[in-house]
């Protein structure tokens, strides 16, 4: 029974990450450009200690309703959009 519940939890987690990726891929181009720029500014400043401490400012991803993808993963998804220039 425990294996069954672990598989269900993994499936739900995977489905949520897929939904959030789809949100990034289908958001309007202007929003995607702004989010990508915000993530590029955020990523070089992150260290392991920063990820542990709570930030007083909400993450741009959290403002978009994306809670399960990291900033790095979100930027990777945005790089797969065909309508954004890859700069």
C-alpha atoms as a PDB file:
ATOM      1  CA  UNK A   1       0.000   0.000   0.000  1.00  0.00           C
ATOM      2  CA  UNK A   2       2.878   2.361   0.777  1.00  0.00           C
ATOM      3  CA  UNK A   3       4.351   1.882  -2.719  1.00  0.00           C
ATOM      4  CA  UNK A   4       0.982   2.756  -4.229  1.00  0.00           C
ATOM      5  CA  UNK A   5       0.790   6.012  -2.229  1.00  0.00           C
ATOM      6  CA  UNK A   6       4.359   6.945  -3.153  1.00  0.00           C
ATOM      7  CA  UNK A   7       3.537   6.442  -6.842  1.00  0.00           C
ATOM      8  CA  UNK A   8       0.408   8.588  -6.493  1.00  0.00           C
ATOM      9  CA  UNK A   9       2.394  11.363  -4.792  1.00  0.00           C
ATOM     10  CA  UNK A  10       5.057  11.262  -7.509  1.00  0.00           C
ATOM     11  CA  UNK A  11       2.384  11.361 -10.211  1.00  0.00           C
ATOM     12  CA  UNK A  12       0.657  14.346  -8.629  1.00  0.00           C
ATOM     13  CA  UNK A  13       3.966  16.181  -8.218  1.00  0.00           C
ATOM     14  CA  UNK A  14       4.851  15.472 -11.850  1.00  0.00           C
ATOM     15  CA  UNK A  15       1.427  16.672 -13.040  1.00  0.00           C
ATOM     16  CA  UNK A  16       1.771  19.932 -11.100  1.00  0.00           C
ATOM     17  CA  UNK A  17       5.221  20.557 -12.591  1.00  0.00           C
ATOM     18  CA  UNK A  18       3.845  19.857 -16.086  1.00  0.00           C
ATOM     19  CA  UNK A  19       0.975  22.298 -15.509  1.00  0.00           C
ATOM     20  CA  UNK A  20       3.365  24.995 -14.335  1.00  0.00           C
ATOM     21  CA  UNK A  21       5.614  24.389 -17.355  1.00  0.00           C
ATOM     22  CA  UNK A  22       2.596  24.678 -19.636  1.00  0.00           C
ATOM     23  CA  UNK A  23       1.706  27.970 -17.942  1.00  0.00           C
ATOM     24  CA  UNK A  24       5.177  29.306 -18.750  1.00  0.00           C
ATOM     25  CA  UNK A  25       4.955  28.122 -22.343  1.00  0.00           C
ATOM     26  CA  UNK A  26       1.524  29.639 -22.997  1.00  0.00           C
ATOM     27  CA  UNK A  27       1.706  32.963 -21.139  1.00  0.00           C
ATOM     28  CA  UNK A  28       1.604  36.127 -23.251  1.00  0.00           C
ATOM     29  CA  UNK A  29       4.921  37.067 -24.832  1.00  0.00           C
ATOM     30  CA  UNK A  30       5.243  40.320 -22.870  1.00  0.00           C
ATOM     31  CA  UNK A  31       4.786  38.543 -19.563  1.00  0.00           C
ATOM     32  CA  UNK A  32       7.244  35.840 -20.605  1.00  0.00           C
ATOM     33  CA  UNK A  33       9.886  38.431 -21.531  1.00  0.00           C
ATOM     34  CA  UNK A  34       9.470  40.268 -18.228  1.00  0.00           C
ATOM     35  CA  UNK A  35       9.612  37.022 -16.261  1.00  0.00           C
ATOM     36  CA  UNK A  36      12.691  35.847 -18.126  1.00  0.00           C
ATOM     37  CA  UNK A  37      14.464  39.150 -17.420  1.00  0.00           C
ATOM     38  CA  UNK A  38      13.515  38.979 -13.737  1.00  0.00           C
ATOM     39  CA  UNK A  39      14.792  35.396 -13.507  1.00  0.00           C
ATOM     40  CA  UNK A  40      18.071  36.319 -15.202  1.00  0.00           C
ATOM     41  CA  UNK A  41      18.603  39.054 -12.617  1.00  0.00           C
ATOM     42  CA  UNK A  42      17.660  36.694  -9.782  1.00  0.00           C
ATOM     43  CA  UNK A  43      19.747  33.655 -10.774  1.00  0.00           C
ATOM     44  CA  UNK A  44      23.286  35.092 -10.530  1.00  0.00           C
ATOM     45  CA  UNK A  45      22.515  36.425  -7.046  1.00  0.00           C
ATOM     46  CA  UNK A  46      21.330  33.096  -5.642  1.00  0.00           C
ATOM     47  CA  UNK A  47      23.598  31.060  -3.435  1.00  0.00           C
ATOM     48  CA  UNK A  48      22.842  28.044  -1.316  1.00  0.00           C
ATOM     49  CA  UNK A  49      22.433  30.236   1.772  1.00  0.00           C
ATOM     50  CA  UNK A  50      19.993  32.523  -0.068  1.00  0.00           C
ATOM     51  CA  UNK A  51      17.744  29.630  -0.967  1.00  0.00           C
ATOM     52  CA  UNK A  52      17.480  28.619   2.688  1.00  0.00           C
ATOM     53  CA  UNK A  53      16.614  32.074   4.034  1.00  0.00           C
ATOM     54  CA  UNK A  54      13.179  33.471   3.333  1.00  0.00           C
ATOM     55  CA  UNK A  55      13.193  36.499   1.078  1.00  0.00           C
ATOM     56  CA  UNK A  56      11.091  39.507   2.090  1.00  0.00           C
ATOM     57  CA  UNK A  57      10.204  40.045  -1.585  1.00  0.00           C
ATOM     58  CA  UNK A  58       8.038  37.425  -3.293  1.00  0.00           C
ATOM     59  CA  UNK A  59       9.619  35.544  -6.154  1.00  0.00           C
ATOM     60  CA  UNK A  60       8.420  36.503  -9.642  1.00  0.00           C
ATOM     61  CA  UNK A  61       7.455  32.851 -10.088  1.00  0.00           C
ATOM     62  CA  UNK A  62       5.262  32.893  -6.986  1.00  0.00           C
ATOM     63  CA  UNK A  63       3.526  36.009  -8.282  1.00  0.00           C
ATOM     64  CA  UNK A  64       2.682  34.027 -11.431  1.00  0.00           C
ATOM     65  CA  UNK A  65       1.320  31.109  -9.389  1.00  0.00           C
ATOM     66  CA  UNK A  66       4.318  28.856 -10.021  1.00  0.00           C
ATOM     67  CA  UNK A  67       5.423  27.239  -6.775  1.00  0.00           C
ATOM     68  CA  UNK A  68       7.005  23.887  -7.676  1.00  0.00           C
ATOM     69  CA  UNK A  69       9.545  24.897 -10.348  1.00  0.00           C
ATOM     70  CA  UNK A  70      12.841  26.473  -9.329  1.00  0.00           C
ATOM     71  CA  UNK A  71      14.044  29.681 -10.973  1.00  0.00           C
ATOM     72  CA  UNK A  72      16.581  27.685 -12.956  1.00  0.00           C
ATOM     73  CA  UNK A  73      13.952  25.201 -14.179  1.00  0.00           C
ATOM     74  CA  UNK A  74      11.584  28.017 -15.133  1.00  0.00           C
ATOM     75  CA  UNK A  75      14.296  29.721 -17.155  1.00  0.00           C
ATOM     76  CA  UNK A  76      15.039  26.409 -18.902  1.00  0.00           C
ATOM     77  CA  UNK A  77      11.349  26.083 -19.833  1.00  0.00           C
ATOM     78  CA  UNK A  78      11.220  29.677 -21.096  1.00  0.00           C
ATOM     79  CA  UNK A  79      14.242  28.990 -23.318  1.00  0.00           C
ATOM     80  CA  UNK A  80      12.141  26.407 -25.167  1.00  0.00           C
ATOM     81  CA  UNK A  81       9.588  28.976 -26.274  1.00  0.00           C
ATOM     82  CA  UNK A  82       9.863  29.544 -29.999  1.00  0.00           C
ATOM     83  CA  UNK A  83       8.507  33.110 -29.904  1.00  0.00           C
ATOM     84  CA  UNK A  84      11.178  34.509 -27.540  1.00  0.00           C
ATOM     85  CA  UNK A  85      14.553  35.678 -28.814  1.00  0.00           C
ATOM     86  CA  UNK A  86      17.316  33.564 -27.262  1.00  0.00           C
ATOM     87  CA  UNK A  87      19.573  36.292 -25.910  1.00  0.00           C
END
